[in-house]
Amino acid sequence: MSFSCRGLKNLDIVSKSDPKVEVYMRESGKNSKWMMIGETELVNNNLNPDFAKQIEMTYTFEKE
């Protein structure tokens, strides 16, 4: 997956925010936990970042 963001809220006081993306998936099962499967690089001072790092993941859509 590739990620980009537009119009992020600036939460820093002195400069613009430094965003990054973290992707979590929930394990299957009754008492499942959330596990981080990847994260992008930190992009300094940018409220409209295009992240270079892609996160590879396997996802199965629900079946009827």
PDB file of N, CA and C in Angstrom:
ATOM      1  N   MET A   1       0.831  -1.162   0.000  1.00  0.00           N
ATOM      2  CA  MET A   1       0.000   0.000   0.000  1.00  0.00           C
ATOM      3  C   MET A   1       0.886   1.239   0.000  1.00  0.00           C
ATOM      4  N   SER A   2       0.425   2.252  -0.671  1.00  0.00           N
ATOM      5  CA  SER A   2       1.089   3.559  -0.689  1.00  0.00           C
ATOM      6  C   SER A   2       0.205   4.560   0.033  1.00  0.00           C
ATOM      7  N   PHE A   3       0.816   5.536   0.652  1.00  0.00           N
ATOM      8  CA  PHE A   3       0.061   6.501   1.441  1.00  0.00           C
ATOM      9  C   PHE A   3       0.436   7.931   1.101  1.00  0.00           C
ATOM     10  N   SER A   4      -0.562   8.798   1.166  1.00  0.00           N
ATOM     11  CA  SER A   4      -0.363  10.242   1.076  1.00  0.00           C
ATOM     12  C   SER A   4      -1.471  10.891   1.885  1.00  0.00           C
ATOM     13  N   CYS A   5      -1.235  12.102   2.331  1.00  0.00           N
ATOM     14  CA  CYS A   5      -2.215  12.830   3.135  1.00  0.00           C
ATOM     15  C   CYS A   5      -2.330  14.252   2.610  1.00  0.00           C
ATOM     16  N   ARG A   6      -3.484  14.847   2.784  1.00  0.00           N
ATOM     17  CA  ARG A   6      -3.711  16.227   2.373  1.00  0.00           C
ATOM     18  C   ARG A   6      -4.450  16.971   3.474  1.00  0.00           C
ATOM     19  N   GLY A   7      -4.002  18.189   3.744  1.00  0.00           N
ATOM     20  CA  GLY A   7      -4.692  19.067   4.694  1.00  0.00           C
ATOM     21  C   GLY A   7      -4.638  18.604   6.136  1.00  0.00           C
ATOM     22  N   LEU A   8      -3.513  18.018   6.540  1.00  0.00           N
ATOM     23  CA  LEU A   8      -3.390  17.613   7.940  1.00  0.00           C
ATOM     24  C   LEU A   8      -3.402  18.837   8.847  1.00  0.00           C
ATOM     25  N   LYS A   9      -3.912  18.662  10.031  1.00  0.00           N
ATOM     26  CA  LYS A   9      -3.934  19.743  11.015  1.00  0.00           C
ATOM     27  C   LYS A   9      -2.530  19.948  11.572  1.00  0.00           C
ATOM     28  N   ASN A  10      -2.100  21.184  11.670  1.00  0.00           N
ATOM     29  CA  ASN A  10      -0.782  21.488  12.212  1.00  0.00           C
ATOM     30  C   ASN A  10      -0.847  21.456  13.735  1.00  0.00           C
ATOM     31  N   LEU A  11      -0.151  20.503  14.349  1.00  0.00           N
ATOM     32  CA  LEU A  11      -0.175  20.358  15.803  1.00  0.00           C
ATOM     33  C   LEU A  11       1.125  20.801  16.465  1.00  0.00           C
ATOM     34  N   ASP A  12       2.103  21.221  15.683  1.00  0.00           N
ATOM     35  CA  ASP A  12       3.351  21.742  16.246  1.00  0.00           C
ATOM     36  C   ASP A  12       3.204  23.240  16.522  1.00  0.00           C
ATOM     37  N   ILE A  13       3.997  23.743  17.441  1.00  0.00           N
ATOM     38  CA  ILE A  13       3.927  25.158  17.804  1.00  0.00           C
ATOM     39  C   ILE A  13       4.910  25.987  16.987  1.00  0.00           C
ATOM     40  N   VAL A  14       6.144  25.530  16.862  1.00  0.00           N
ATOM     41  CA  VAL A  14       7.198  26.312  16.217  1.00  0.00           C
ATOM     42  C   VAL A  14       7.258  26.093  14.703  1.00  0.00           C
ATOM     43  N   SER A  15       6.974  24.882  14.238  1.00  0.00           N
ATOM     44  CA  SER A  15       7.045  24.563  12.804  1.00  0.00           C
ATOM     45  C   SER A  15       5.810  23.746  12.420  1.00  0.00           C
ATOM     46  N   LYS A  16       5.787  23.255  11.200  1.00  0.00           N
ATOM     47  CA  LYS A  16       4.681  22.389  10.772  1.00  0.00           C
ATOM     48  C   LYS A  16       4.875  20.988  11.340  1.00  0.00           C
ATOM     49  N   SER A  17       3.787  20.235  11.388  1.00  0.00           N
ATOM     50  CA  SER A  17       3.828  18.877  11.925  1.00  0.00           C
ATOM     51  C   SER A  17       4.733  17.972  11.096  1.00  0.00           C
ATOM     52  N   ASP A  18       5.199  16.888  11.718  1.00  0.00           N
ATOM     53  CA  ASP A  18       6.070  15.898  11.093  1.00  0.00           C
ATOM     54  C   ASP A  18       5.318  14.557  11.056  1.00  0.00           C
ATOM     55  N   PRO A  19       4.485  14.335  10.044  1.00  0.00           N
ATOM     56  CA  PRO A  19       3.636  13.145  10.041  1.00  0.00           C
ATOM     57  C   PRO A  19       4.349  11.862   9.616  1.00  0.00           C
ATOM     58  N   LYS A  20       3.765  10.734  10.033  1.00  0.00           N
ATOM     59  CA  LYS A  20       4.128   9.413   9.558  1.00  0.00           C
ATOM     60  C   LYS A  20       2.877   8.552   9.686  1.00  0.00           C
ATOM     61  N   VAL A  21       2.848   7.425   8.995  1.00  0.00           N
ATOM     62  CA  VAL A  21       1.700   6.515   9.036  1.00  0.00           C
ATOM     63  C   VAL A  21       2.132   5.225   9.712  1.00  0.00           C
ATOM     64  N   GLU A  22       1.301   4.736  10.629  1.00  0.00           N
ATOM     65  CA  GLU A  22       1.491   3.426  11.241  1.00  0.00           C
ATOM     66  C   GLU A  22       0.269   2.587  10.888  1.00  0.00           C
ATOM     67  N   VAL A  23       0.503   1.345  10.430  1.00  0.00           N
ATOM     68  CA  VAL A  23      -0.588   0.457  10.024  1.00  0.00           C
ATOM     69  C   VAL A  23      -0.666  -0.702  11.014  1.00  0.00           C
ATOM     70  N   TYR A  24      -1.859  -0.913  11.532  1.00  0.00           N
ATOM     71  CA  TYR A  24      -2.109  -1.991  12.492  1.00  0.00           C
ATOM     72  C   TYR A  24      -3.146  -2.940  11.927  1.00  0.00           C
ATOM     73  N   MET A  25      -2.994  -4.225  12.237  1.00  0.00           N
ATOM     74  CA  MET A  25      -4.000  -5.236  11.901  1.00  0.00           C
ATOM     75  C   MET A  25      -4.337  -6.005  13.168  1.00  0.00           C
ATOM     76  N   ARG A  26      -5.574  -6.410  13.232  1.00  0.00           N
ATOM     77  CA  ARG A  26      -6.020  -7.174  14.389  1.00  0.00           C
ATOM     78  C   ARG A  26      -5.899  -8.658  14.086  1.00  0.00           C
ATOM     79  N   GLU A  27      -5.310  -9.395  15.015  1.00  0.00           N
ATOM     80  CA  GLU A  27      -5.204 -10.841  14.865  1.00  0.00           C
ATOM     81  C   GLU A  27      -6.600 -11.442  14.903  1.00  0.00           C
ATOM     82  N   SER A  28      -6.764 -12.584  14.271  1.00  0.00           N
ATOM     83  CA  SER A  28      -8.063 -13.253  14.341  1.00  0.00           C
ATOM     84  C   SER A  28      -8.154 -14.013  15.662  1.00  0.00           C
ATOM     85  N   GLY A  29      -9.357 -14.167  16.138  1.00  0.00           N
ATOM     86  CA  GLY A  29      -9.561 -14.875  17.395  1.00  0.00           C
ATOM     87  C   GLY A  29     -10.367 -14.049  18.374  1.00  0.00           C
ATOM     88  N   LYS A  30     -10.813 -14.710  19.428  1.00  0.00           N
ATOM     89  CA  LYS A  30     -11.705 -14.074  20.397  1.00  0.00           C
ATOM     90  C   LYS A  30     -11.045 -12.914  21.138  1.00  0.00           C
ATOM     91  N   ASN A  31      -9.888 -13.110  21.698  1.00  0.00           N
ATOM     92  CA  ASN A  31      -9.195 -12.065  22.466  1.00  0.00           C
ATOM     93  C   ASN A  31      -8.031 -11.519  21.645  1.00  0.00           C
ATOM     94  N   SER A  32      -8.315 -11.134  20.429  1.00  0.00           N
ATOM     95  CA  SER A  32      -7.253 -10.716  19.518  1.00  0.00           C
ATOM     96  C   SER A  32      -6.689  -9.345  19.889  1.00  0.00           C
ATOM     97  N   LYS A  33      -5.429  -9.150  19.538  1.00  0.00           N
ATOM     98  CA  LYS A  33      -4.730  -7.904  19.816  1.00  0.00           C
ATOM     99  C   LYS A  33      -4.387  -7.218  18.505  1.00  0.00           C
ATOM    100  N   TRP A  34      -4.189  -5.914  18.581  1.00  0.00           N
ATOM    101  CA  TRP A  34      -3.739  -5.137  17.421  1.00  0.00           C
ATOM    102  C   TRP A  34      -2.225  -5.230  17.336  1.00  0.00           C
ATOM    103  N   MET A  35      -1.718  -5.503  16.124  1.00  0.00           N
ATOM    104  CA  MET A  35      -0.279  -5.591  15.913  1.00  0.00           C
ATOM    105  C   MET A  35       0.132  -4.628  14.808  1.00  0.00           C
ATOM    106  N   MET A  36       1.227  -3.891  15.032  1.00  0.00           N
ATOM    107  CA  MET A  36       1.717  -2.999  13.995  1.00  0.00           C
ATOM    108  C   MET A  36       2.416  -3.850  12.929  1.00  0.00           C
ATOM    109  N   ILE A  37       2.001  -3.657  11.670  1.00  0.00           N
ATOM    110  CA  ILE A  37       2.610  -4.428  10.592  1.00  0.00           C
ATOM    111  C   ILE A  37       3.549  -3.584   9.742  1.00  0.00           C
ATOM    112  N   GLY A  38       3.571  -2.282   9.973  1.00  0.00           N
ATOM    113  CA  GLY A  38       4.490  -1.437   9.232  1.00  0.00           C
ATOM    114  C   GLY A  38       4.285   0.024   9.534  1.00  0.00           C
ATOM    115  N   GLU A  39       5.275   0.819   9.148  1.00  0.00           N
ATOM    116  CA  GLU A  39       5.187   2.266   9.308  1.00  0.00           C
ATOM    117  C   GLU A  39       5.976   2.940   8.202  1.00  0.00           C
ATOM    118  N   THR A  40       5.570   4.140   7.860  1.00  0.00           N
ATOM    119  CA  THR A  40       6.271   4.911   6.845  1.00  0.00           C
ATOM    120  C   THR A  40       7.383   5.717   7.498  1.00  0.00           C
ATOM    121  N   GLU A  41       8.129   6.412   6.672  1.00  0.00           N
ATOM    122  CA  GLU A  41       9.137   7.335   7.188  1.00  0.00           C
ATOM    123  C   GLU A  41       8.445   8.573   7.760  1.00  0.00           C
ATOM    124  N   LEU A  42       9.153   9.303   8.579  1.00  0.00           N
ATOM    125  CA  LEU A  42       8.688  10.578   9.110  1.00  0.00           C
ATOM    126  C   LEU A  42       8.992  11.655   8.071  1.00  0.00           C
ATOM    127  N   VAL A  43       7.998  12.478   7.747  1.00  0.00           N
ATOM    128  CA  VAL A  43       8.196  13.557   6.781  1.00  0.00           C
ATOM    129  C   VAL A  43       8.181  14.876   7.558  1.00  0.00           C
ATOM    130  N   ASN A  44       9.305  15.555   7.584  1.00  0.00           N
ATOM    131  CA  ASN A  44       9.436  16.783   8.374  1.00  0.00           C
ATOM    132  C   ASN A  44       8.698  17.968   7.764  1.00  0.00           C
ATOM    133  N   ASN A  45       8.018  18.724   8.625  1.00  0.00           N
ATOM    134  CA  ASN A  45       7.396  20.005   8.262  1.00  0.00           C
ATOM    135  C   ASN A  45       6.539  19.944   7.007  1.00  0.00           C
ATOM    136  N   ASN A  46       5.583  19.024   6.982  1.00  0.00           N
ATOM    137  CA  ASN A  46       4.772  18.854   5.781  1.00  0.00           C
ATOM    138  C   ASN A  46       3.348  18.456   6.165  1.00  0.00           C
ATOM    139  N   LEU A  47       2.364  19.256   5.770  1.00  0.00           N
ATOM    140  CA  LEU A  47       0.961  18.953   6.058  1.00  0.00           C
ATOM    141  C   LEU A  47       0.274  18.242   4.889  1.00  0.00           C
ATOM    142  N   ASN A  48       1.004  18.001   3.806  1.00  0.00           N
ATOM    143  CA  ASN A  48       0.490  17.301   2.631  1.00  0.00           C
ATOM    144  C   ASN A  48       1.520  16.270   2.143  1.00  0.00           C
ATOM    145  N   PRO A  49       1.904  15.322   3.004  1.00  0.00           N
ATOM    146  CA  PRO A  49       3.006  14.425   2.649  1.00  0.00           C
ATOM    147  C   PRO A  49       2.626  13.325   1.658  1.00  0.00           C
ATOM    148  N   ASP A  50       3.579  12.963   0.806  1.00  0.00           N
ATOM    149  CA  ASP A  50       3.531  11.773  -0.030  1.00  0.00           C
ATOM    150  C   ASP A  50       4.634  10.868   0.503  1.00  0.00           C
ATOM    151  N   PHE A  51       4.271   9.785   1.124  1.00  0.00           N
ATOM    152  CA  PHE A  51       5.245   8.905   1.753  1.00  0.00           C
ATOM    153  C   PHE A  51       5.887   7.997   0.709  1.00  0.00           C
ATOM    154  N   ALA A  52       7.213   7.879   0.760  1.00  0.00           N
ATOM    155  CA  ALA A  52       7.948   7.061  -0.204  1.00  0.00           C
ATOM    156  C   ALA A  52       7.864   5.579   0.145  1.00  0.00           C
ATOM    157  N   LYS A  53       7.896   5.255   1.433  1.00  0.00           N
ATOM    158  CA  LYS A  53       7.895   3.852   1.849  1.00  0.00           C
ATOM    159  C   LYS A  53       6.508   3.251   1.683  1.00  0.00           C
ATOM    160  N   GLN A  54       6.474   2.086   1.059  1.00  0.00           N
ATOM    161  CA  GLN A  54       5.229   1.340   0.905  1.00  0.00           C
ATOM    162  C   GLN A  54       5.176   0.249   1.962  1.00  0.00           C
ATOM    163  N   ILE A  55       3.960  -0.128   2.349  1.00  0.00           N
ATOM    164  CA  ILE A  55       3.775  -1.181   3.348  1.00  0.00           C
ATOM    165  C   ILE A  55       3.089  -2.351   2.672  1.00  0.00           C
ATOM    166  N   GLU A  56       3.741  -3.500   2.747  1.00  0.00           N
ATOM    167  CA  GLU A  56       3.207  -4.710   2.123  1.00  0.00           C
ATOM    168  C   GLU A  56       2.377  -5.464   3.147  1.00  0.00           C
ATOM    169  N   MET A  57       1.186  -5.874   2.735  1.00  0.00           N
ATOM    170  CA  MET A  57       0.310  -6.601   3.641  1.00  0.00           C
ATOM    171  C   MET A  57      -0.604  -7.538   2.869  1.00  0.00           C
ATOM    172  N   THR A  58      -1.031  -8.582   3.523  1.00  0.00           N
ATOM    173  CA  THR A  58      -1.978  -9.521   2.935  1.00  0.00           C
ATOM    174  C   THR A  58      -3.329  -9.272   3.577  1.00  0.00           C
ATOM    175  N   TYR A  59      -4.336  -9.104   2.731  1.00  0.00           N
ATOM    176  CA  TYR A  59      -5.674  -8.838   3.233  1.00  0.00           C
ATOM    177  C   TYR A  59      -6.659  -9.685   2.464  1.00  0.00           C
ATOM    178  N   THR A  60      -7.589 -10.317   3.178  1.00  0.00           N
ATOM    179  CA  THR A  60      -8.640 -11.110   2.553  1.00  0.00           C
ATOM    180  C   THR A  60      -9.973 -10.440   2.806  1.00  0.00           C
ATOM    181  N   PHE A  61     -10.697 -10.137   1.742  1.00  0.00           N
ATOM    182  CA  PHE A  61     -12.010  -9.543   1.883  1.00  0.00           C
ATOM    183  C   PHE A  61     -12.978 -10.575   2.456  1.00  0.00           C
ATOM    184  N   GLU A  62     -13.987 -10.093   3.147  1.00  0.00           N
ATOM    185  CA  GLU A  62     -14.975 -10.991   3.729  1.00  0.00           C
ATOM    186  C   GLU A  62     -15.683 -11.767   2.632  1.00  0.00           C
ATOM    187  N   LYS A  63     -15.970 -13.035   2.929  1.00  0.00           N
ATOM    188  CA  LYS A  63     -16.681 -13.892   1.978  1.00  0.00           C
ATOM    189  C   LYS A  63     -18.079 -14.137   2.506  1.00  0.00           C
ATOM    190  N   GLU A  64     -19.033 -14.212   1.590  1.00  0.00           N
ATOM    191  CA  GLU A  64     -20.416 -14.465   2.010  1.00  0.00           C
ATOM    192  C   GLU A  64     -20.710 -15.928   2.081  1.00  0.00           C
TER     193      GLU A  64
END
